[in-house]
Amino acid sequence: MQGLKMNMRRILATGVAGINIEDSDPKTNELLPLDLQVERISLIRKVADKAGVRLFITALIFKKQCC
């Protein structure tokens, strides 16, 4: 989660108003566990709030299918 935290700080520094986050692992195309998704969204919100940014977070829910 430290990498996500650092990346969010960098993203927020650019002045963005909103972000989209994916729900699946790009290597396996499997959905991430719900508790991990909640943890990620909570971390993003905390980082944005600490930075004073009213960030709009869109959590995308897609199940990718192969071939």
PDB file of N, CA and C in Angstrom:
ATOM      1  N   MET A   1       0.813  -1.199   0.000  1.00  0.00           N
ATOM      2  CA  MET A   1       0.000   0.000   0.000  1.00  0.00           C
ATOM      3  C   MET A   1       0.860   1.269   0.000  1.00  0.00           C
ATOM      4  N   GLN A   2       2.117   1.122   0.397  1.00  0.00           N
ATOM      5  CA  GLN A   2       3.000   2.291   0.412  1.00  0.00           C
ATOM      6  C   GLN A   2       3.173   2.854  -0.993  1.00  0.00           C
ATOM      7  N   GLY A   3       3.256   1.974  -1.998  1.00  0.00           N
ATOM      8  CA  GLY A   3       3.386   2.436  -3.379  1.00  0.00           C
ATOM      9  C   GLY A   3       2.158   3.204  -3.825  1.00  0.00           C
ATOM     10  N   LEU A   4       0.976   2.732  -3.451  1.00  0.00           N
ATOM     11  CA  LEU A   4      -0.259   3.433  -3.791  1.00  0.00           C
ATOM     12  C   LEU A   4      -0.292   4.808  -3.144  1.00  0.00           C
ATOM     13  N   LYS A   5       0.122   4.866  -1.900  1.00  0.00           N
ATOM     14  CA  LYS A   5       0.143   6.134  -1.171  1.00  0.00           C
ATOM     15  C   LYS A   5       1.068   7.151  -1.861  1.00  0.00           C
ATOM     16  N   MET A   6       2.272   6.705  -2.214  1.00  0.00           N
ATOM     17  CA  MET A   6       3.221   7.596  -2.890  1.00  0.00           C
ATOM     18  C   MET A   6       2.701   8.030  -4.257  1.00  0.00           C
ATOM     19  N   ASN A   7       2.127   7.094  -5.012  1.00  0.00           N
ATOM     20  CA  ASN A   7       1.581   7.436  -6.329  1.00  0.00           C
ATOM     21  C   ASN A   7       0.437   8.429  -6.214  1.00  0.00           C
ATOM     22  N   MET A   8      -0.415   8.254  -5.209  1.00  0.00           N
ATOM     23  CA  MET A   8      -1.530   9.189  -5.029  1.00  0.00           C
ATOM     24  C   MET A   8      -1.031  10.586  -4.712  1.00  0.00           C
ATOM     25  N   ARG A   9       0.008  10.696  -3.917  1.00  0.00           N
ATOM     26  CA  ARG A   9       0.577  12.020  -3.618  1.00  0.00           C
ATOM     27  C   ARG A   9       1.063  12.689  -4.904  1.00  0.00           C
ATOM     28  N   ARG A  10       1.716  11.906  -5.754  1.00  0.00           N
ATOM     29  CA  ARG A  10       2.207  12.448  -7.031  1.00  0.00           C
ATOM     30  C   ARG A  10       1.040  12.866  -7.937  1.00  0.00           C
ATOM     31  N   ILE A  11       0.034  12.015  -8.000  1.00  0.00           N
ATOM     32  CA  ILE A  11      -1.132  12.315  -8.839  1.00  0.00           C
ATOM     33  C   ILE A  11      -1.839  13.571  -8.344  1.00  0.00           C
ATOM     34  N   LEU A  12      -2.050  13.661  -7.040  1.00  0.00           N
ATOM     35  CA  LEU A  12      -2.745  14.823  -6.479  1.00  0.00           C
ATOM     36  C   LEU A  12      -1.969  16.112  -6.724  1.00  0.00           C
ATOM     37  N   ALA A  13      -0.655  16.014  -6.741  1.00  0.00           N
ATOM     38  CA  ALA A  13       0.184  17.193  -6.978  1.00  0.00           C
ATOM     39  C   ALA A  13      -0.017  17.771  -8.377  1.00  0.00           C
ATOM     40  N   THR A  14      -0.570  16.977  -9.300  1.00  0.00           N
ATOM     41  CA  THR A  14      -0.799  17.470 -10.662  1.00  0.00           C
ATOM     42  C   THR A  14      -2.066  18.312 -10.766  1.00  0.00           C
ATOM     43  N   GLY A  15      -2.918  18.259  -9.707  1.00  0.00           N
ATOM     44  CA  GLY A  15      -4.137  19.061  -9.723  1.00  0.00           C
ATOM     45  C   GLY A  15      -5.371  18.317 -10.211  1.00  0.00           C
ATOM     46  N   VAL A  16      -5.330  16.994 -10.255  1.00  0.00           N
ATOM     47  CA  VAL A  16      -6.492  16.239 -10.721  1.00  0.00           C
ATOM     48  C   VAL A  16      -7.696  16.449  -9.801  1.00  0.00           C
ATOM     49  N   ALA A  17      -8.879  16.302 -10.382  1.00  0.00           N
ATOM     50  CA  ALA A  17     -10.123  16.415  -9.611  1.00  0.00           C
ATOM     51  C   ALA A  17     -10.740  15.052  -9.343  1.00  0.00           C
ATOM     52  N   GLY A  18     -10.318  14.033 -10.107  1.00  0.00           N
ATOM     53  CA  GLY A  18     -10.895  12.714  -9.934  1.00  0.00           C
ATOM     54  C   GLY A  18     -10.012  11.639 -10.529  1.00  0.00           C
ATOM     55  N   ILE A  19     -10.260  10.406 -10.085  1.00  0.00           N
ATOM     56  CA  ILE A  19      -9.501   9.262 -10.591  1.00  0.00           C
ATOM     57  C   ILE A  19     -10.434   8.064 -10.770  1.00  0.00           C
ATOM     58  N   ASN A  20      -9.997   7.124 -11.581  1.00  0.00           N
ATOM     59  CA  ASN A  20     -10.659   5.834 -11.732  1.00  0.00           C
ATOM     60  C   ASN A  20      -9.708   4.779 -11.193  1.00  0.00           C
ATOM     61  N   ILE A  21     -10.231   3.828 -10.441  1.00  0.00           N
ATOM     62  CA  ILE A  21      -9.396   2.712 -10.012  1.00  0.00           C
ATOM     63  C   ILE A  21     -10.038   1.417 -10.483  1.00  0.00           C
ATOM     64  N   GLU A  22      -9.198   0.485 -10.851  1.00  0.00           N
ATOM     65  CA  GLU A  22      -9.649  -0.802 -11.364  1.00  0.00           C
ATOM     66  C   GLU A  22      -9.937  -1.770 -10.230  1.00  0.00           C
ATOM     67  N   ASP A  23     -10.706  -2.795 -10.521  1.00  0.00           N
ATOM     68  CA  ASP A  23     -11.097  -3.774  -9.515  1.00  0.00           C
ATOM     69  C   ASP A  23     -10.404  -5.121  -9.673  1.00  0.00           C
ATOM     70  N   SER A  24      -9.513  -5.223 -10.651  1.00  0.00           N
ATOM     71  CA  SER A  24      -8.918  -6.532 -10.915  1.00  0.00           C
ATOM     72  C   SER A  24      -7.401  -6.451 -10.987  1.00  0.00           C
ATOM     73  N   ASP A  25      -6.789  -7.602 -10.831  1.00  0.00           N
ATOM     74  CA  ASP A  25      -5.344  -7.734 -10.924  1.00  0.00           C
ATOM     75  C   ASP A  25      -4.982  -7.782 -12.403  1.00  0.00           C
ATOM     76  N   PRO A  26      -4.136  -6.864 -12.893  1.00  0.00           N
ATOM     77  CA  PRO A  26      -3.818  -6.842 -14.318  1.00  0.00           C
ATOM     78  C   PRO A  26      -3.065  -8.089 -14.809  1.00  0.00           C
ATOM     79  N   LYS A  27      -2.406  -8.793 -13.889  1.00  0.00           N
ATOM     80  CA  LYS A  27      -1.659  -9.990 -14.278  1.00  0.00           C
ATOM     81  C   LYS A  27      -2.567 -11.205 -14.459  1.00  0.00           C
ATOM     82  N   THR A  28      -3.598 -11.301 -13.614  1.00  0.00           N
ATOM     83  CA  THR A  28      -4.455 -12.487 -13.640  1.00  0.00           C
ATOM     84  C   THR A  28      -5.851 -12.217 -14.183  1.00  0.00           C
ATOM     85  N   ASN A  29      -6.218 -10.949 -14.279  1.00  0.00           N
ATOM     86  CA  ASN A  29      -7.568 -10.527 -14.668  1.00  0.00           C
ATOM     87  C   ASN A  29      -8.637 -10.979 -13.675  1.00  0.00           C
ATOM     88  N   GLU A  30      -8.223 -11.392 -12.497  1.00  0.00           N
ATOM     89  CA  GLU A  30      -9.154 -11.802 -11.451  1.00  0.00           C
ATOM     90  C   GLU A  30      -9.533 -10.594 -10.600  1.00  0.00           C
ATOM     91  N   LEU A  31     -10.786 -10.592 -10.129  1.00  0.00           N
ATOM     92  CA  LEU A  31     -11.232  -9.515  -9.259  1.00  0.00           C
ATOM     93  C   LEU A  31     -10.437  -9.532  -7.964  1.00  0.00           C
ATOM     94  N   LEU A  32     -10.107  -8.352  -7.468  1.00  0.00           N
ATOM     95  CA  LEU A  32      -9.427  -8.244  -6.179  1.00  0.00           C
ATOM     96  C   LEU A  32     -10.445  -8.500  -5.071  1.00  0.00           C
ATOM     97  N   PRO A  33     -10.004  -9.027  -3.943  1.00  0.00           N
ATOM     98  CA  PRO A  33     -10.917  -9.252  -2.828  1.00  0.00           C
ATOM     99  C   PRO A  33     -11.548  -7.941  -2.357  1.00  0.00           C
ATOM    100  N   LEU A  34     -12.787  -8.023  -1.914  1.00  0.00           N
ATOM    101  CA  LEU A  34     -13.521  -6.839  -1.480  1.00  0.00           C
ATOM    102  C   LEU A  34     -12.790  -6.084  -0.384  1.00  0.00           C
ATOM    103  N   ASP A  35     -12.223  -6.783   0.595  1.00  0.00           N
ATOM    104  CA  ASP A  35     -11.532  -6.098   1.685  1.00  0.00           C
ATOM    105  C   ASP A  35     -10.322  -5.313   1.184  1.00  0.00           C
ATOM    106  N   LEU A  36      -9.644  -5.819   0.164  1.00  0.00           N
ATOM    107  CA  LEU A  36      -8.518  -5.091  -0.424  1.00  0.00           C
ATOM    108  C   LEU A  36      -9.007  -3.852  -1.167  1.00  0.00           C
ATOM    109  N   GLN A  37     -10.102  -3.974  -1.884  1.00  0.00           N
ATOM    110  CA  GLN A  37     -10.675  -2.823  -2.587  1.00  0.00           C
ATOM    111  C   GLN A  37     -11.066  -1.719  -1.593  1.00  0.00           C
ATOM    112  N   VAL A  38     -11.704  -2.119  -0.510  1.00  0.00           N
ATOM    113  CA  VAL A  38     -12.099  -1.154   0.521  1.00  0.00           C
ATOM    114  C   VAL A  38     -10.867  -0.470   1.102  1.00  0.00           C
ATOM    115  N   GLU A  39      -9.826  -1.245   1.371  1.00  0.00           N
ATOM    116  CA  GLU A  39      -8.585  -0.693   1.914  1.00  0.00           C
ATOM    117  C   GLU A  39      -7.959   0.311   0.942  1.00  0.00           C
ATOM    118  N   ARG A  40      -7.952  -0.012  -0.337  1.00  0.00           N
ATOM    119  CA  ARG A  40      -7.369   0.878  -1.350  1.00  0.00           C
ATOM    120  C   ARG A  40      -8.151   2.191  -1.450  1.00  0.00           C
ATOM    121  N   ILE A  41      -9.478   2.081  -1.505  1.00  0.00           N
ATOM    122  CA  ILE A  41     -10.304   3.285  -1.611  1.00  0.00           C
ATOM    123  C   ILE A  41     -10.161   4.145  -0.360  1.00  0.00           C
ATOM    124  N   SER A  42     -10.127   3.509   0.805  1.00  0.00           N
ATOM    125  CA  SER A  42      -9.960   4.257   2.059  1.00  0.00           C
ATOM    126  C   SER A  42      -8.627   4.989   2.092  1.00  0.00           C
ATOM    127  N   LEU A  43      -7.573   4.321   1.642  1.00  0.00           N
ATOM    128  CA  LEU A  43      -6.258   4.953   1.616  1.00  0.00           C
ATOM    129  C   LEU A  43      -6.249   6.146   0.667  1.00  0.00           C
ATOM    130  N   ILE A  44      -6.820   5.976  -0.505  1.00  0.00           N
ATOM    131  CA  ILE A  44      -6.877   7.072  -1.474  1.00  0.00           C
ATOM    132  C   ILE A  44      -7.624   8.268  -0.885  1.00  0.00           C
ATOM    133  N   ARG A  45      -8.750   8.002  -0.235  1.00  0.00           N
ATOM    134  CA  ARG A  45      -9.533   9.081   0.379  1.00  0.00           C
ATOM    135  C   ARG A  45      -8.719   9.791   1.462  1.00  0.00           C
ATOM    136  N   LYS A  46      -8.028   9.038   2.310  1.00  0.00           N
ATOM    137  CA  LYS A  46      -7.235   9.641   3.393  1.00  0.00           C
ATOM    138  C   LYS A  46      -6.118  10.515   2.839  1.00  0.00           C
ATOM    139  N   VAL A  47      -5.433  10.027   1.819  1.00  0.00           N
ATOM    140  CA  VAL A  47      -4.340  10.794   1.217  1.00  0.00           C
ATOM    141  C   VAL A  47      -4.886  12.084   0.598  1.00  0.00           C
ATOM    142  N   ALA A  48      -6.001  11.989  -0.106  1.00  0.00           N
ATOM    143  CA  ALA A  48      -6.601  13.174  -0.732  1.00  0.00           C
ATOM    144  C   ALA A  48      -7.061  14.171   0.328  1.00  0.00           C
ATOM    145  N   ASP A  49      -7.730  13.675   1.364  1.00  0.00           N
ATOM    146  CA  ASP A  49      -8.192  14.568   2.431  1.00  0.00           C
ATOM    147  C   ASP A  49      -7.018  15.266   3.103  1.00  0.00           C
ATOM    148  N   LYS A  50      -5.956  14.528   3.380  1.00  0.00           N
ATOM    149  CA  LYS A  50      -4.770  15.114   4.018  1.00  0.00           C
ATOM    150  C   LYS A  50      -4.152  16.200   3.132  1.00  0.00           C
ATOM    151  N   ALA A  51      -4.247  16.009   1.810  1.00  0.00           N
ATOM    152  CA  ALA A  51      -3.700  16.983   0.862  1.00  0.00           C
ATOM    153  C   ALA A  51      -4.665  18.151   0.629  1.00  0.00           C
ATOM    154  N   GLY A  52      -5.863  18.065   1.214  1.00  0.00           N
ATOM    155  CA  GLY A  52      -6.852  19.130   1.030  1.00  0.00           C
ATOM    156  C   GLY A  52      -7.525  19.097  -0.327  1.00  0.00           C
ATOM    157  N   VAL A  53      -7.574  17.923  -0.946  1.00  0.00           N
ATOM    158  CA  VAL A  53      -8.156  17.774  -2.282  1.00  0.00           C
ATOM    159  C   VAL A  53      -9.497  17.055  -2.162  1.00  0.00           C
ATOM    160  N   ARG A  54     -10.546  17.653  -2.715  1.00  0.00           N
ATOM    161  CA  ARG A  54     -11.861  17.000  -2.749  1.00  0.00           C
ATOM    162  C   ARG A  54     -11.900  16.107  -3.984  1.00  0.00           C
ATOM    163  N   LEU A  55     -11.304  14.960  -3.874  1.00  0.00           N
ATOM    164  CA  LEU A  55     -11.106  14.042  -4.991  1.00  0.00           C
ATOM    165  C   LEU A  55     -12.346  13.198  -5.249  1.00  0.00           C
ATOM    166  N   PHE A  56     -12.738  13.096  -6.522  1.00  0.00           N
ATOM    167  CA  PHE A  56     -13.828  12.223  -6.937  1.00  0.00           C
ATOM    168  C   PHE A  56     -13.212  10.878  -7.305  1.00  0.00           C
ATOM    169  N   ILE A  57     -13.627   9.814  -6.631  1.00  0.00           N
ATOM    170  CA  ILE A  57     -13.078   8.484  -6.864  1.00  0.00           C
ATOM    171  C   ILE A  57     -14.135   7.613  -7.547  1.00  0.00           C
ATOM    172  N   THR A  58     -13.797   7.089  -8.716  1.00  0.00           N
ATOM    173  CA  THR A  58     -14.668   6.152  -9.403  1.00  0.00           C
ATOM    174  C   THR A  58     -14.027   4.773  -9.298  1.00  0.00           C
ATOM    175  N   ALA A  59     -14.712   3.864  -8.633  1.00  0.00           N
ATOM    176  CA  ALA A  59     -14.215   2.488  -8.505  1.00  0.00           C
ATOM    177  C   ALA A  59     -14.906   1.664  -9.595  1.00  0.00           C
ATOM    178  N   LEU A  60     -14.146   1.310 -10.609  1.00  0.00           N
ATOM    179  CA  LEU A  60     -14.680   0.574 -11.747  1.00  0.00           C
ATOM    180  C   LEU A  60     -14.810  -0.902 -11.426  1.00  0.00           C
ATOM    181  N   ILE A  61     -15.916  -1.485 -11.831  1.00  0.00           N
ATOM    182  CA  ILE A  61     -16.161  -2.899 -11.572  1.00  0.00           C
ATOM    183  C   ILE A  61     -16.383  -3.596 -12.916  1.00  0.00           C
ATOM    184  N   PHE A  62     -15.338  -4.276 -13.349  1.00  0.00           N
ATOM    185  CA  PHE A  62     -15.394  -5.006 -14.608  1.00  0.00           C
ATOM    186  C   PHE A  62     -14.830  -6.394 -14.381  1.00  0.00           C
ATOM    187  N   LYS A  63     -15.388  -7.356 -15.015  1.00  0.00           N
ATOM    188  CA  LYS A  63     -14.821  -8.702 -15.025  1.00  0.00           C
ATOM    189  C   LYS A  63     -14.331  -8.928 -16.440  1.00  0.00           C
ATOM    190  N   LYS A  64     -13.029  -8.923 -16.603  1.00  0.00           N
ATOM    191  CA  LYS A  64     -12.456  -9.099 -17.927  1.00  0.00           C
ATOM    192  C   LYS A  64     -12.545 -10.555 -18.346  1.00  0.00           C
ATOM    193  N   GLN A  65     -12.830 -10.754 -19.612  1.00  0.00           N
ATOM    194  CA  GLN A  65     -12.922 -12.109 -20.128  1.00  0.00           C
ATOM    195  C   GLN A  65     -11.828 -12.333 -21.159  1.00  0.00           C
ATOM    196  N   CYS A  66     -11.374 -13.501 -21.161  1.00  0.00           N
ATOM    197  CA  CYS A  66     -10.307 -13.849 -22.102  1.00  0.00           C
ATOM    198  C   CYS A  66     -10.890 -14.248 -23.455  1.00  0.00           C
ATOM    199  N   CYS A  67     -10.186 -14.072 -24.454  1.00  0.00           N
ATOM    200  CA  CYS A  67     -10.385 -14.484 -25.835  1.00  0.00           C
ATOM    201  C   CYS A  67     -11.810 -14.854 -26.113  1.00  0.00           C
TER     202      CYS A  67
END
